[in-house]
Amino acid sequence: MTTDSDIERVRQALPTIPFLRSYKGPIERLGGLTNMVFRLGEYCVRLPGRGTEEYINRENEAVAAQAAAAVGVSPEILYIDRATGDMVSRFVEGAMTMSPEAFRSVAGAPTRAGIAFRKLHDSGAVFPARFELFAMIDEYLGVLSTKDVDLPDGYHDALREAASVREALSVHPLPNVSCHCDPLCENFLDTGHRMWVVDWEYCGMNDPMWDLADLSVEGEFDAAQEEEMIHAYFGGEPTPFERGRIVIYKAMCDLLWTLWGLIQLANRNPAADFRAYADTRFARCQALMRTDAFRTALADVAQG
């Protein structure tokens, strides 16, 4: 539901956007966990959330968003303020904003997501940033060291155990390619024929298996959904090495985004219960790291 304060914030931004300065039409709030996203007729306006300047490089995001649009994975970008992060893209008519429930109920959605990832990863697009998992964990821990918020019990123990992950991944690294890196379900827009991907705040050159793993976690995919996405992406069965990296990254994305959730909690983001969000993600990370499947994945990845 769009509130008066939401509308006021958008209207304050409109004078800086040349083609929207005189806009008088309806304004609809579309959502967003940290940012505020609105539909204004044929346009989609994104305004950054409070505190995001602590961990988002808006220059990197701008370059990547335009590159993703150029290769046909993201909607057309019409305006970017590289200082504030305000952004306007073309609204995709007839598209459904995805959710875990939508990925379960809409036929072919995991397939279309896998195809979109393959298109992005094979595009040759070069993003200015690198998505470095363990460097980001260190960065987020640094941010949290200035906040009054507690890590989940056992977090540093799990991080020490993840040294084996770092070692396995480094033995036979995959070439880094342009990746989204934050495939929250709501960052996917499905027309039923094509899946669009939006929100490039966390993107960078990365191991492509991260995107597959993270979407499986964010979408709460069951085994059938995960296999549908994976087979669409690979055009068949992945190797044990590739599948192992997906398993490993499913745990590691929870290890990372646990900290992101705590930053939102510290910044008093009202969009969700971020204490529960962080605790749930960390518990899921711990559970997967204790399984035989995770140990097998580590061995497969190290073997290459």
C-alpha atoms as a PDB file:
ATOM      1  CA  MET A   1       0.000   0.000   0.000  1.00  0.00           C
ATOM      2  CA  THR A   2       1.371   3.384  -1.009  1.00  0.00           C
ATOM      3  CA  THR A   3       1.404   5.950   1.815  1.00  0.00           C
ATOM      4  CA  ASP A   4       1.422   9.731   1.656  1.00  0.00           C
ATOM      5  CA  SER A   5       5.050   9.778   2.812  1.00  0.00           C
ATOM      6  CA  ASP A   6       5.980   7.375   0.003  1.00  0.00           C
ATOM      7  CA  ILE A   7       4.371   9.655  -2.561  1.00  0.00           C
ATOM      8  CA  GLU A   8       6.073  12.687  -1.069  1.00  0.00           C
ATOM      9  CA  ARG A   9       9.490  11.051  -1.316  1.00  0.00           C
ATOM     10  CA  VAL A  10       8.956  10.239  -5.001  1.00  0.00           C
ATOM     11  CA  ARG A  11       7.646  13.696  -5.781  1.00  0.00           C
ATOM     12  CA  GLN A  12      10.725  15.236  -4.160  1.00  0.00           C
ATOM     13  CA  ALA A  13      12.910  13.182  -6.523  1.00  0.00           C
ATOM     14  CA  LEU A  14      10.976  13.945  -9.730  1.00  0.00           C
ATOM     15  CA  PRO A  15      12.428  17.442 -10.380  1.00  0.00           C
ATOM     16  CA  THR A  16      15.864  15.836 -10.858  1.00  0.00           C
ATOM     17  CA  ILE A  17      14.568  13.485 -13.587  1.00  0.00           C
ATOM     18  CA  PRO A  18      14.112  15.480 -16.805  1.00  0.00           C
ATOM     19  CA  PHE A  19      11.310  13.414 -18.366  1.00  0.00           C
ATOM     20  CA  LEU A  20       9.372  13.088 -15.090  1.00  0.00           C
ATOM     21  CA  ARG A  21       9.513  16.685 -13.833  1.00  0.00           C
ATOM     22  CA  SER A  22       5.935  17.390 -14.863  1.00  0.00           C
ATOM     23  CA  TYR A  23       4.527  13.920 -14.067  1.00  0.00           C
ATOM     24  CA  LYS A  24       1.078  14.177 -12.433  1.00  0.00           C
ATOM     25  CA  GLY A  25      -0.181  10.625 -12.885  1.00  0.00           C
ATOM     26  CA  PRO A  26      -0.700   7.780 -10.403  1.00  0.00           C
ATOM     27  CA  ILE A  27       2.113   6.485  -8.218  1.00  0.00           C
ATOM     28  CA  GLU A  28       2.111   2.863  -7.071  1.00  0.00           C
ATOM     29  CA  ARG A  29       4.544   1.391  -4.514  1.00  0.00           C
ATOM     30  CA  LEU A  30       5.920  -1.905  -5.825  1.00  0.00           C
ATOM     31  CA  GLY A  31       7.933  -3.025  -2.826  1.00  0.00           C
ATOM     32  CA  GLY A  32      11.584  -3.574  -1.936  1.00  0.00           C
ATOM     33  CA  LEU A  33      13.335  -4.856   1.193  1.00  0.00           C
ATOM     34  CA  THR A  34      15.805  -1.986   1.472  1.00  0.00           C
ATOM     35  CA  ASN A  35      14.979   0.318  -1.433  1.00  0.00           C
ATOM     36  CA  MET A  36      11.677   1.915  -2.438  1.00  0.00           C
ATOM     37  CA  VAL A  37      10.361   0.984  -5.881  1.00  0.00           C
ATOM     38  CA  PHE A  38       7.426   2.669  -7.604  1.00  0.00           C
ATOM     39  CA  ARG A  39       5.504   2.494 -10.836  1.00  0.00           C
ATOM     40  CA  LEU A  40       4.796   5.803 -12.533  1.00  0.00           C
ATOM     41  CA  GLY A  41       2.965   4.926 -15.723  1.00  0.00           C
ATOM     42  CA  GLU A  42       5.441   3.360 -18.146  1.00  0.00           C
ATOM     43  CA  TYR A  43       8.329   4.008 -15.765  1.00  0.00           C
ATOM     44  CA  CYS A  44       9.756   2.177 -12.757  1.00  0.00           C
ATOM     45  CA  VAL A  45      11.475   4.461 -10.235  1.00  0.00           C
ATOM     46  CA  ARG A  46      13.929   3.056  -7.668  1.00  0.00           C
ATOM     47  CA  LEU A  47      15.007   5.189  -4.689  1.00  0.00           C
ATOM     48  CA  PRO A  48      17.776   3.801  -2.429  1.00  0.00           C
ATOM     49  CA  GLY A  49      17.005   2.854   1.149  1.00  0.00           C
ATOM     50  CA  ARG A  50      18.456   4.424   4.267  1.00  0.00           C
ATOM     51  CA  GLY A  51      21.951   3.220   5.140  1.00  0.00           C
ATOM     52  CA  THR A  52      22.654   1.515   1.803  1.00  0.00           C
ATOM     53  CA  GLU A  53      25.476   3.978   1.137  1.00  0.00           C
ATOM     54  CA  GLU A  54      27.489   2.065   3.768  1.00  0.00           C
ATOM     55  CA  TYR A  55      27.874  -0.991   1.555  1.00  0.00           C
ATOM     56  CA  ILE A  56      26.658  -0.204  -2.005  1.00  0.00           C
ATOM     57  CA  ASN A  57      28.876   1.347  -4.679  1.00  0.00           C
ATOM     58  CA  ARG A  58      26.407   3.269  -6.851  1.00  0.00           C
ATOM     59  CA  GLU A  59      28.905   3.850  -9.659  1.00  0.00           C
ATOM     60  CA  ASN A  60      29.468   0.093 -10.021  1.00  0.00           C
ATOM     61  CA  GLU A  61      25.738  -0.531  -9.925  1.00  0.00           C
ATOM     62  CA  ALA A  62      25.063   2.040 -12.657  1.00  0.00           C
ATOM     63  CA  VAL A  63      27.604   0.550 -15.055  1.00  0.00           C
ATOM     64  CA  ALA A  64      26.386  -2.996 -14.436  1.00  0.00           C
ATOM     65  CA  ALA A  65      22.682  -2.144 -14.744  1.00  0.00           C
ATOM     66  CA  GLN A  66      23.283  -0.546 -18.122  1.00  0.00           C
ATOM     67  CA  ALA A  67      25.410  -3.488 -19.266  1.00  0.00           C
ATOM     68  CA  ALA A  68      22.745  -5.994 -18.185  1.00  0.00           C
ATOM     69  CA  ALA A  69      20.104  -4.008 -20.068  1.00  0.00           C
ATOM     70  CA  ALA A  70      22.310  -3.892 -23.161  1.00  0.00           C
ATOM     71  CA  VAL A  71      22.521  -7.706 -23.297  1.00  0.00           C
ATOM     72  CA  GLY A  72      18.755  -8.071 -22.838  1.00  0.00           C
ATOM     73  CA  VAL A  73      18.644  -9.487 -19.312  1.00  0.00           C
ATOM     74  CA  SER A  74      17.410  -6.353 -17.520  1.00  0.00           C
ATOM     75  CA  PRO A  75      14.825  -3.747 -18.601  1.00  0.00           C
ATOM     76  CA  GLU A  76      16.001  -0.597 -20.348  1.00  0.00           C
ATOM     77  CA  ILE A  77      17.652   1.909 -18.010  1.00  0.00           C
ATOM     78  CA  LEU A  78      16.404   5.435 -18.721  1.00  0.00           C
ATOM     79  CA  TYR A  79      17.996   7.488 -15.950  1.00  0.00           C
ATOM     80  CA  ILE A  80      20.616   7.024 -13.232  1.00  0.00           C
ATOM     81  CA  ASP A  81      21.918   9.496 -10.694  1.00  0.00           C
ATOM     82  CA  ARG A  82      25.291   7.980  -9.853  1.00  0.00           C
ATOM     83  CA  ALA A  83      25.611  10.072  -6.711  1.00  0.00           C
ATOM     84  CA  THR A  84      22.256   9.356  -5.071  1.00  0.00           C
ATOM     85  CA  GLY A  85      21.467   5.997  -6.702  1.00  0.00           C
ATOM     86  CA  ASP A  86      18.061   7.139  -7.960  1.00  0.00           C
ATOM     87  CA  MET A  87      17.228   5.064 -11.033  1.00  0.00           C
ATOM     88  CA  VAL A  88      14.455   4.881 -13.637  1.00  0.00           C
ATOM     89  CA  SER A  89      13.866   1.895 -15.900  1.00  0.00           C
ATOM     90  CA  ARG A  90      11.208   0.922 -18.391  1.00  0.00           C
ATOM     91  CA  PHE A  91       8.242  -0.745 -16.664  1.00  0.00           C
ATOM     92  CA  VAL A  92       7.741  -4.303 -17.963  1.00  0.00           C
ATOM     93  CA  GLU A  93       4.067  -4.654 -18.844  1.00  0.00           C
ATOM     94  CA  GLY A  94       2.438  -7.972 -18.063  1.00  0.00           C
ATOM     95  CA  ALA A  95       5.270  -9.191 -15.855  1.00  0.00           C
ATOM     96  CA  MET A  96       4.777 -10.822 -12.467  1.00  0.00           C
ATOM     97  CA  THR A  97       7.131  -9.895  -9.645  1.00  0.00           C
ATOM     98  CA  MET A  98       8.318 -13.267  -8.441  1.00  0.00           C
ATOM     99  CA  SER A  99       8.245 -14.753  -4.946  1.00  0.00           C
ATOM    100  CA  PRO A 100       8.951 -18.243  -3.587  1.00  0.00           C
ATOM    101  CA  GLU A 101       5.252 -19.044  -4.019  1.00  0.00           C
ATOM    102  CA  ALA A 102       5.271 -17.747  -7.605  1.00  0.00           C
ATOM    103  CA  PHE A 103       8.306 -19.877  -8.452  1.00  0.00           C
ATOM    104  CA  ARG A 104       6.383 -22.887  -7.133  1.00  0.00           C
ATOM    105  CA  SER A 105       3.105 -22.159  -8.884  1.00  0.00           C
ATOM    106  CA  VAL A 106       4.072 -20.637 -12.242  1.00  0.00           C
ATOM    107  CA  ALA A 107       4.913 -23.349 -14.749  1.00  0.00           C
ATOM    108  CA  GLY A 108       8.370 -23.041 -16.246  1.00  0.00           C
ATOM    109  CA  ALA A 109       9.559 -20.227 -13.983  1.00  0.00           C
ATOM    110  CA  PRO A 110      12.718 -22.046 -12.770  1.00  0.00           C
ATOM    111  CA  THR A 111      13.506 -22.880 -16.409  1.00  0.00           C
ATOM    112  CA  ARG A 112      13.200 -19.254 -17.495  1.00  0.00           C
ATOM    113  CA  ALA A 113      15.384 -18.149 -14.584  1.00  0.00           C
ATOM    114  CA  GLY A 114      18.067 -20.668 -15.575  1.00  0.00           C
ATOM    115  CA  ILE A 115      17.941 -19.419 -19.171  1.00  0.00           C
ATOM    116  CA  ALA A 116      18.250 -15.791 -18.015  1.00  0.00           C
ATOM    117  CA  PHE A 117      21.298 -16.644 -15.923  1.00  0.00           C
ATOM    118  CA  ARG A 118      22.920 -18.451 -18.835  1.00  0.00           C
ATOM    119  CA  LYS A 119      22.302 -15.462 -21.092  1.00  0.00           C
ATOM    120  CA  LEU A 120      23.906 -13.145 -18.548  1.00  0.00           C
ATOM    121  CA  HIS A 121      26.864 -15.404 -17.823  1.00  0.00           C
ATOM    122  CA  ASP A 122      27.589 -16.011 -21.515  1.00  0.00           C
ATOM    123  CA  SER A 123      27.094 -12.376 -22.530  1.00  0.00           C
ATOM    124  CA  GLY A 124      30.690 -11.259 -22.190  1.00  0.00           C
ATOM    125  CA  ALA A 125      29.519  -8.231 -20.186  1.00  0.00           C
ATOM    126  CA  VAL A 126      32.194  -6.876 -17.870  1.00  0.00           C
ATOM    127  CA  PHE A 127      31.099  -5.442 -14.535  1.00  0.00           C
ATOM    128  CA  PRO A 128      33.473  -3.050 -12.741  1.00  0.00           C
ATOM    129  CA  ALA A 129      33.311  -4.834  -9.376  1.00  0.00           C
ATOM    130  CA  ARG A 130      34.305  -8.315  -8.279  1.00  0.00           C
ATOM    131  CA  PHE A 131      32.013 -10.183  -5.920  1.00  0.00           C
ATOM    132  CA  GLU A 132      34.448 -11.585  -3.367  1.00  0.00           C
ATOM    133  CA  LEU A 133      32.560 -13.744  -0.867  1.00  0.00           C
ATOM    134  CA  PHE A 134      35.024 -13.749   1.998  1.00  0.00           C
ATOM    135  CA  ALA A 135      36.037 -10.120   1.470  1.00  0.00           C
ATOM    136  CA  MET A 136      32.355  -9.166   1.701  1.00  0.00           C
ATOM    137  CA  ILE A 137      31.983 -11.150   4.912  1.00  0.00           C
ATOM    138  CA  ASP A 138      34.933  -9.217   6.355  1.00  0.00           C
ATOM    139  CA  GLU A 139      33.442  -5.923   5.130  1.00  0.00           C
ATOM    140  CA  TYR A 140      30.044  -6.651   6.675  1.00  0.00           C
ATOM    141  CA  LEU A 141      31.648  -7.716   9.955  1.00  0.00           C
ATOM    142  CA  GLY A 142      33.472  -4.384   9.906  1.00  0.00           C
ATOM    143  CA  VAL A 143      30.191  -2.509   9.446  1.00  0.00           C
ATOM    144  CA  LEU A 144      28.600  -4.514  12.243  1.00  0.00           C
ATOM    145  CA  SER A 145      31.516  -3.777  14.575  1.00  0.00           C
ATOM    146  CA  THR A 146      30.196  -0.204  14.697  1.00  0.00           C
ATOM    147  CA  LYS A 147      26.616  -1.283  15.443  1.00  0.00           C
ATOM    148  CA  ASP A 148      24.801  -2.420  18.557  1.00  0.00           C
ATOM    149  CA  VAL A 149      23.703  -5.836  17.324  1.00  0.00           C
ATOM    150  CA  ASP A 150      24.732  -9.388  18.243  1.00  0.00           C
ATOM    151  CA  LEU A 151      25.893 -12.069  15.835  1.00  0.00           C
ATOM    152  CA  PRO A 152      24.102 -15.443  16.083  1.00  0.00           C
ATOM    153  CA  ASP A 153      25.760 -17.845  18.513  1.00  0.00           C
ATOM    154  CA  GLY A 154      28.431 -19.845  16.707  1.00  0.00           C
ATOM    155  CA  TYR A 155      28.861 -17.504  13.756  1.00  0.00           C
ATOM    156  CA  HIS A 156      32.624 -17.172  14.109  1.00  0.00           C
ATOM    157  CA  ASP A 157      32.919 -20.959  14.562  1.00  0.00           C
ATOM    158  CA  ALA A 158      31.093 -21.479  11.267  1.00  0.00           C
ATOM    159  CA  LEU A 159      33.302 -18.891   9.589  1.00  0.00           C
ATOM    160  CA  ARG A 160      36.410 -20.786  10.752  1.00  0.00           C
ATOM    161  CA  GLU A 161      34.930 -24.018   9.379  1.00  0.00           C
ATOM    162  CA  ALA A 162      34.386 -22.255   6.067  1.00  0.00           C
ATOM    163  CA  ALA A 163      38.166 -22.150   5.598  1.00  0.00           C
ATOM    164  CA  SER A 164      37.773 -25.595   4.035  1.00  0.00           C
ATOM    165  CA  VAL A 165      35.327 -24.076   1.568  1.00  0.00           C
ATOM    166  CA  ARG A 166      37.741 -21.324   0.588  1.00  0.00           C
ATOM    167  CA  GLU A 167      40.458 -23.929   0.071  1.00  0.00           C
ATOM    168  CA  ALA A 168      38.283 -26.238  -2.048  1.00  0.00           C
ATOM    169  CA  LEU A 169      36.987 -23.426  -4.249  1.00  0.00           C
ATOM    170  CA  SER A 170      40.500 -22.121  -4.887  1.00  0.00           C
ATOM    171  CA  VAL A 171      41.904 -25.423  -6.198  1.00  0.00           C
ATOM    172  CA  HIS A 172      40.121 -25.276  -9.575  1.00  0.00           C
ATOM    173  CA  PRO A 173      38.454 -21.859  -9.831  1.00  0.00           C
ATOM    174  CA  LEU A 174      35.934 -21.206 -12.567  1.00  0.00           C
ATOM    175  CA  PRO A 175      36.463 -18.107 -14.717  1.00  0.00           C
ATOM    176  CA  ASN A 176      34.650 -15.129 -13.233  1.00  0.00           C
ATOM    177  CA  VAL A 177      31.773 -13.869 -15.363  1.00  0.00           C
ATOM    178  CA  SER A 178      29.137 -11.147 -15.002  1.00  0.00           C
ATOM    179  CA  CYS A 179      26.809 -12.290 -12.207  1.00  0.00           C
ATOM    180  CA  HIS A 180      23.793 -10.826 -10.456  1.00  0.00           C
ATOM    181  CA  CYS A 181      24.959 -12.121  -7.049  1.00  0.00           C
ATOM    182  CA  ASP A 182      21.736 -11.175  -5.191  1.00  0.00           C
ATOM    183  CA  PRO A 183      18.971 -13.221  -6.839  1.00  0.00           C
ATOM    184  CA  LEU A 184      16.181 -12.475  -4.401  1.00  0.00           C
ATOM    185  CA  CYS A 185      12.953 -13.755  -5.945  1.00  0.00           C
ATOM    186  CA  GLU A 186      11.551 -10.236  -6.094  1.00  0.00           C
ATOM    187  CA  ASN A 187      14.425  -9.290  -8.403  1.00  0.00           C
ATOM    188  CA  PHE A 188      12.857 -11.475 -11.116  1.00  0.00           C
ATOM    189  CA  LEU A 189      10.024 -10.331 -13.382  1.00  0.00           C
ATOM    190  CA  ASP A 190       8.306 -13.112 -15.326  1.00  0.00           C
ATOM    191  CA  THR A 191       6.108 -12.529 -18.384  1.00  0.00           C
ATOM    192  CA  GLY A 192       5.427 -16.229 -18.802  1.00  0.00           C
ATOM    193  CA  HIS A 193       7.689 -16.232 -21.848  1.00  0.00           C
ATOM    194  CA  ARG A 194      10.747 -14.412 -20.569  1.00  0.00           C
ATOM    195  CA  MET A 195      12.371 -13.768 -17.222  1.00  0.00           C
ATOM    196  CA  TRP A 196      13.812 -10.308 -16.602  1.00  0.00           C
ATOM    197  CA  VAL A 197      16.301  -9.631 -13.797  1.00  0.00           C
ATOM    198  CA  VAL A 198      16.505  -6.304 -11.931  1.00  0.00           C
ATOM    199  CA  ASP A 199      18.417  -4.667  -9.042  1.00  0.00           C
ATOM    200  CA  TRP A 200      22.170  -4.781  -9.700  1.00  0.00           C
ATOM    201  CA  GLU A 201      23.390  -3.383  -6.371  1.00  0.00           C
ATOM    202  CA  TYR A 202      25.479  -6.418  -5.412  1.00  0.00           C
ATOM    203  CA  CYS A 203      26.504  -7.610  -8.859  1.00  0.00           C
ATOM    204  CA  GLY A 204      30.060  -8.279  -9.934  1.00  0.00           C
ATOM    205  CA  MET A 205      32.379 -10.642 -11.704  1.00  0.00           C
ATOM    206  CA  ASN A 206      31.914 -13.911  -9.872  1.00  0.00           C
ATOM    207  CA  ASP A 207      31.751 -17.696 -10.057  1.00  0.00           C
ATOM    208  CA  PRO A 208      28.547 -18.310 -12.080  1.00  0.00           C
ATOM    209  CA  MET A 209      27.492 -21.150  -9.788  1.00  0.00           C
ATOM    210  CA  TRP A 210      26.810 -18.571  -7.073  1.00  0.00           C
ATOM    211  CA  ASP A 211      23.756 -17.228  -8.920  1.00  0.00           C
ATOM    212  CA  LEU A 212      22.220 -20.695  -9.280  1.00  0.00           C
ATOM    213  CA  ALA A 213      22.865 -21.589  -5.656  1.00  0.00           C
ATOM    214  CA  ASP A 214      21.573 -18.325  -4.258  1.00  0.00           C
ATOM    215  CA  LEU A 215      18.339 -18.369  -6.259  1.00  0.00           C
ATOM    216  CA  SER A 216      17.678 -21.925  -5.100  1.00  0.00           C
ATOM    217  CA  VAL A 217      18.006 -20.722  -1.506  1.00  0.00           C
ATOM    218  CA  GLU A 218      16.051 -17.482  -1.950  1.00  0.00           C
ATOM    219  CA  GLY A 219      13.279 -19.239  -3.862  1.00  0.00           C
ATOM    220  CA  GLU A 220      13.107 -22.051  -1.300  1.00  0.00           C
ATOM    221  CA  PHE A 221      13.350 -24.446  -4.240  1.00  0.00           C
ATOM    222  CA  ASP A 222      12.554 -28.089  -3.682  1.00  0.00           C
ATOM    223  CA  ALA A 223      14.670 -30.732  -5.448  1.00  0.00           C
ATOM    224  CA  ALA A 224      12.482 -30.708  -8.578  1.00  0.00           C
ATOM    225  CA  GLN A 225      12.614 -26.908  -8.956  1.00  0.00           C
ATOM    226  CA  GLU A 226      16.368 -26.865  -8.446  1.00  0.00           C
ATOM    227  CA  GLU A 227      16.868 -29.581 -11.045  1.00  0.00           C
ATOM    228  CA  GLU A 228      14.621 -27.740 -13.502  1.00  0.00           C
ATOM    229  CA  MET A 229      16.677 -24.564 -13.160  1.00  0.00           C
ATOM    230  CA  ILE A 230      20.009 -26.385 -13.306  1.00  0.00           C
ATOM    231  CA  HIS A 231      19.117 -28.465 -16.361  1.00  0.00           C
ATOM    232  CA  ALA A 232      17.781 -25.388 -18.189  1.00  0.00           C
ATOM    233  CA  TYR A 233      21.032 -23.577 -17.416  1.00  0.00           C
ATOM    234  CA  PHE A 234      23.367 -26.386 -18.479  1.00  0.00           C
ATOM    235  CA  GLY A 235      21.196 -27.883 -21.187  1.00  0.00           C
ATOM    236  CA  GLY A 236      21.587 -31.187 -19.388  1.00  0.00           C
ATOM    237  CA  GLU A 237      23.305 -32.668 -16.353  1.00  0.00           C
ATOM    238  CA  PRO A 238      26.105 -30.677 -14.688  1.00  0.00           C
ATOM    239  CA  THR A 239      29.343 -32.337 -13.666  1.00  0.00           C
ATOM    240  CA  PRO A 240      29.888 -33.307 -10.011  1.00  0.00           C
ATOM    241  CA  PHE A 241      32.376 -30.396  -9.865  1.00  0.00           C
ATOM    242  CA  GLU A 242      29.717 -27.898 -11.010  1.00  0.00           C
ATOM    243  CA  ARG A 243      26.988 -29.372  -8.829  1.00  0.00           C
ATOM    244  CA  GLY A 244      29.337 -29.408  -5.851  1.00  0.00           C
ATOM    245  CA  ARG A 245      29.974 -25.689  -6.207  1.00  0.00           C
ATOM    246  CA  ILE A 246      26.232 -25.048  -6.188  1.00  0.00           C
ATOM    247  CA  VAL A 247      25.861 -27.014  -2.939  1.00  0.00           C
ATOM    248  CA  ILE A 248      28.752 -25.180  -1.303  1.00  0.00           C
ATOM    249  CA  TYR A 249      27.461 -21.772  -2.314  1.00  0.00           C
ATOM    250  CA  LYS A 250      24.001 -22.550  -0.957  1.00  0.00           C
ATOM    251  CA  ALA A 251      25.582 -22.639   2.508  1.00  0.00           C
ATOM    252  CA  MET A 252      27.891 -19.699   1.879  1.00  0.00           C
ATOM    253  CA  CYS A 253      25.157 -17.352   0.650  1.00  0.00           C
ATOM    254  CA  ASP A 254      23.349 -17.901   3.939  1.00  0.00           C
ATOM    255  CA  LEU A 255      26.587 -17.272   5.823  1.00  0.00           C
ATOM    256  CA  LEU A 256      26.980 -13.937   4.008  1.00  0.00           C
ATOM    257  CA  TRP A 257      23.374 -12.726   3.956  1.00  0.00           C
ATOM    258  CA  THR A 258      23.042 -13.437   7.685  1.00  0.00           C
ATOM    259  CA  LEU A 259      25.314 -10.430   8.158  1.00  0.00           C
ATOM    260  CA  TRP A 260      23.361  -8.352   5.648  1.00  0.00           C
ATOM    261  CA  GLY A 261      20.214  -9.035   7.655  1.00  0.00           C
ATOM    262  CA  LEU A 262      21.920  -7.877  10.834  1.00  0.00           C
ATOM    263  CA  ILE A 263      22.966  -4.631   9.143  1.00  0.00           C
ATOM    264  CA  GLN A 264      19.320  -4.044   8.224  1.00  0.00           C
ATOM    265  CA  LEU A 265      18.368  -4.755  11.849  1.00  0.00           C
ATOM    266  CA  ALA A 266      20.952  -2.287  13.096  1.00  0.00           C
ATOM    267  CA  ASN A 267      19.714   0.334  10.627  1.00  0.00           C
ATOM    268  CA  ARG A 268      16.138  -0.205  11.864  1.00  0.00           C
ATOM    269  CA  ASN A 269      14.846  -1.195   8.443  1.00  0.00           C
ATOM    270  CA  PRO A 270      11.085  -1.763   9.009  1.00  0.00           C
ATOM    271  CA  ALA A 271      10.583  -3.950   5.911  1.00  0.00           C
ATOM    272  CA  ALA A 272      10.918  -7.273   7.792  1.00  0.00           C
ATOM    273  CA  ASP A 273      11.870  -8.939  11.064  1.00  0.00           C
ATOM    274  CA  PHE A 274      15.583  -8.960  10.314  1.00  0.00           C
ATOM    275  CA  ARG A 275      16.542 -10.621  13.606  1.00  0.00           C
ATOM    276  CA  ALA A 276      14.489 -13.639  12.585  1.00  0.00           C
ATOM    277  CA  TYR A 277      15.778 -13.333   9.020  1.00  0.00           C
ATOM    278  CA  ALA A 278      19.417 -13.488  10.148  1.00  0.00           C
ATOM    279  CA  ASP A 279      18.888 -16.280  12.667  1.00  0.00           C
ATOM    280  CA  THR A 280      16.967 -18.401  10.151  1.00  0.00           C
ATOM    281  CA  ARG A 281      19.609 -17.987   7.475  1.00  0.00           C
ATOM    282  CA  PHE A 282      22.438 -18.865   9.826  1.00  0.00           C
ATOM    283  CA  ALA A 283      20.625 -21.949  11.138  1.00  0.00           C
ATOM    284  CA  ARG A 284      20.095 -23.123   7.547  1.00  0.00           C
ATOM    285  CA  CYS A 285      23.786 -22.559   6.784  1.00  0.00           C
ATOM    286  CA  GLN A 286      24.852 -24.598   9.799  1.00  0.00           C
ATOM    287  CA  ALA A 287      22.433 -27.411   8.960  1.00  0.00           C
ATOM    288  CA  LEU A 288      23.730 -27.769   5.395  1.00  0.00           C
ATOM    289  CA  MET A 289      27.392 -27.620   6.423  1.00  0.00           C
ATOM    290  CA  ARG A 290      26.798 -30.592   8.745  1.00  0.00           C
ATOM    291  CA  THR A 291      25.429 -32.886   6.018  1.00  0.00           C
ATOM    292  CA  ASP A 292      27.131 -35.682   4.080  1.00  0.00           C
ATOM    293  CA  ALA A 293      26.030 -33.916   0.877  1.00  0.00           C
ATOM    294  CA  PHE A 294      28.094 -30.878   1.839  1.00  0.00           C
ATOM    295  CA  ARG A 295      31.164 -32.985   2.604  1.00  0.00           C
ATOM    296  CA  THR A 296      30.755 -34.782  -0.743  1.00  0.00           C
ATOM    297  CA  ALA A 297      30.432 -31.453  -2.513  1.00  0.00           C
ATOM    298  CA  LEU A 298      33.678 -30.220  -0.928  1.00  0.00           C
ATOM    299  CA  ALA A 299      35.484 -33.338  -2.165  1.00  0.00           C
ATOM    300  CA  ASP A 300      34.024 -33.040  -5.682  1.00  0.00           C
ATOM    301  CA  VAL A 301      35.003 -29.397  -5.943  1.00  0.00           C
ATOM    302  CA  ALA A 302      38.521 -29.978  -4.659  1.00  0.00           C
ATOM    303  CA  GLN A 303      38.982 -32.893  -7.077  1.00  0.00           C
ATOM    304  CA  GLY A 304      37.865 -30.795 -10.054  1.00  0.00           C
END
